[in-house]
Amino acid sequence: MKVLLSKREKEISILIAKGYKDYEISETLFISRRRVGEIILNIKKKYKLNSRVSIGILVYHFGWLSINEVVREVDGKNVQQEENSIH
């Protein structure tokens, strides 16, 4: 039997793979931190996972995100943080 994630579960999985924390996910998707935690628990149960790292690996396995996308995003955040610290 194939296990499928809902659209929201997939969105959250991708954000986890990008390194977002629960509060960042809740702010990005406009949902409560508690709801984020519940959705993460559902993802872990569906695929019998034990960690957020496992969710990230799952995202790459399914091809929902490439390493280049993550590197670009991290570089963009670093540039913004450096610019903010200069001012």
Protein backbone atom coordinates (compact mmCIF):
# COMPACT_ATOMS: atom_id res chain seq x y z
CA MET A 1 0.00 0.00 0.00
CA LYS A 2 1.37 3.39 -1.00
CA VAL A 3 1.44 6.02 1.74
CA LEU A 4 0.52 9.51 0.57
CA LEU A 5 0.96 12.81 2.32
CA SER A 6 -1.62 15.56 2.23
CA LYS A 7 -0.72 18.84 0.53
CA ARG A 8 -0.06 20.46 3.93
CA GLU A 9 2.09 17.52 5.10
CA LYS A 10 4.13 17.79 1.92
CA GLU A 11 4.58 21.56 2.37
CA ILE A 12 5.77 21.08 5.93
CA SER A 13 8.08 18.23 4.94
CA ILE A 14 9.76 20.46 2.37
CA LEU A 15 10.18 23.28 4.88
CA ILE A 16 11.71 20.82 7.37
CA ALA A 17 14.15 19.68 4.69
CA LYS A 18 15.09 23.34 4.19
CA GLY A 19 15.92 23.57 7.88
CA TYR A 20 12.94 25.56 9.11
CA LYS A 21 12.07 25.38 12.80
CA ASP A 22 8.48 24.84 13.96
CA TYR A 23 7.89 28.52 14.69
CA GLU A 24 9.24 29.48 11.24
CA ILE A 25 6.93 26.95 9.59
CA SER A 26 3.94 28.28 11.55
CA GLU A 27 4.76 31.87 10.53
CA THR A 28 5.29 30.90 6.88
CA LEU A 29 2.06 28.89 6.58
CA PHE A 30 -0.04 30.97 9.00
CA ILE A 31 -0.92 28.05 11.26
CA SER A 32 -0.27 27.50 14.97
CA ARG A 33 2.93 25.92 16.26
CA ARG A 34 0.81 23.23 17.89
CA ARG A 35 -0.74 22.36 14.51
CA VAL A 36 2.75 22.18 12.96
CA GLY A 37 3.77 19.70 15.66
CA GLU A 38 0.65 17.59 15.05
CA ILE A 39 1.31 17.48 11.31
CA ILE A 40 4.96 16.53 11.84
CA LEU A 41 3.83 13.72 14.15
CA ASN A 42 1.40 12.50 11.46
CA ILE A 43 4.20 12.47 8.87
CA LYS A 44 6.44 10.49 11.21
CA LYS A 45 3.65 7.98 11.93
CA LYS A 46 2.76 7.49 8.25
CA TYR A 47 6.34 6.62 7.31
CA LYS A 48 7.45 5.21 10.69
CA LEU A 49 10.14 7.88 11.06
CA ASN A 50 11.89 8.95 14.25
CA SER A 51 13.37 12.34 13.41
CA ARG A 52 13.12 15.51 11.38
CA VAL A 53 16.30 14.48 9.57
CA SER A 54 14.44 11.39 8.34
CA ILE A 55 11.69 13.64 7.00
CA GLY A 56 14.33 15.66 5.13
CA ILE A 57 15.79 12.50 3.62
CA LEU A 58 12.29 11.45 2.55
CA VAL A 59 11.82 14.80 0.76
CA TYR A 60 15.03 14.30 -1.23
CA HIS A 61 14.13 10.67 -1.94
CA PHE A 62 10.82 11.69 -3.51
CA GLY A 63 12.49 14.48 -5.49
CA TRP A 64 10.42 17.26 -3.94
CA LEU A 65 13.55 19.31 -3.33
CA SER A 66 17.05 19.34 -4.75
CA ILE A 67 20.21 20.13 -2.81
CA ASN A 68 20.78 23.13 -5.10
CA GLU A 69 17.50 24.68 -3.94
CA VAL A 70 18.55 24.38 -0.32
CA VAL A 71 22.04 25.75 -0.93
CA ARG A 72 20.65 28.77 -2.79
CA GLU A 73 18.18 29.47 0.00
CA VAL A 74 20.82 29.16 2.70
CA ASP A 75 23.15 31.45 0.75
CA GLY A 76 20.33 33.98 0.37
CA LYS A 77 19.64 33.95 4.13
CA ASN A 78 23.35 34.38 4.89
CA VAL A 79 23.58 37.35 2.53
CA GLN A 80 20.53 38.98 4.13
CA GLN A 81 21.89 38.41 7.63
CA GLU A 82 25.27 39.90 6.67
CA GLU A 83 23.61 42.94 5.13
CA ASN A 84 21.48 43.47 8.23
CA SER A 85 24.50 43.27 10.53
CA ILE A 86 26.38 45.88 8.47
CA HIS A 87 23.68 48.54 8.99
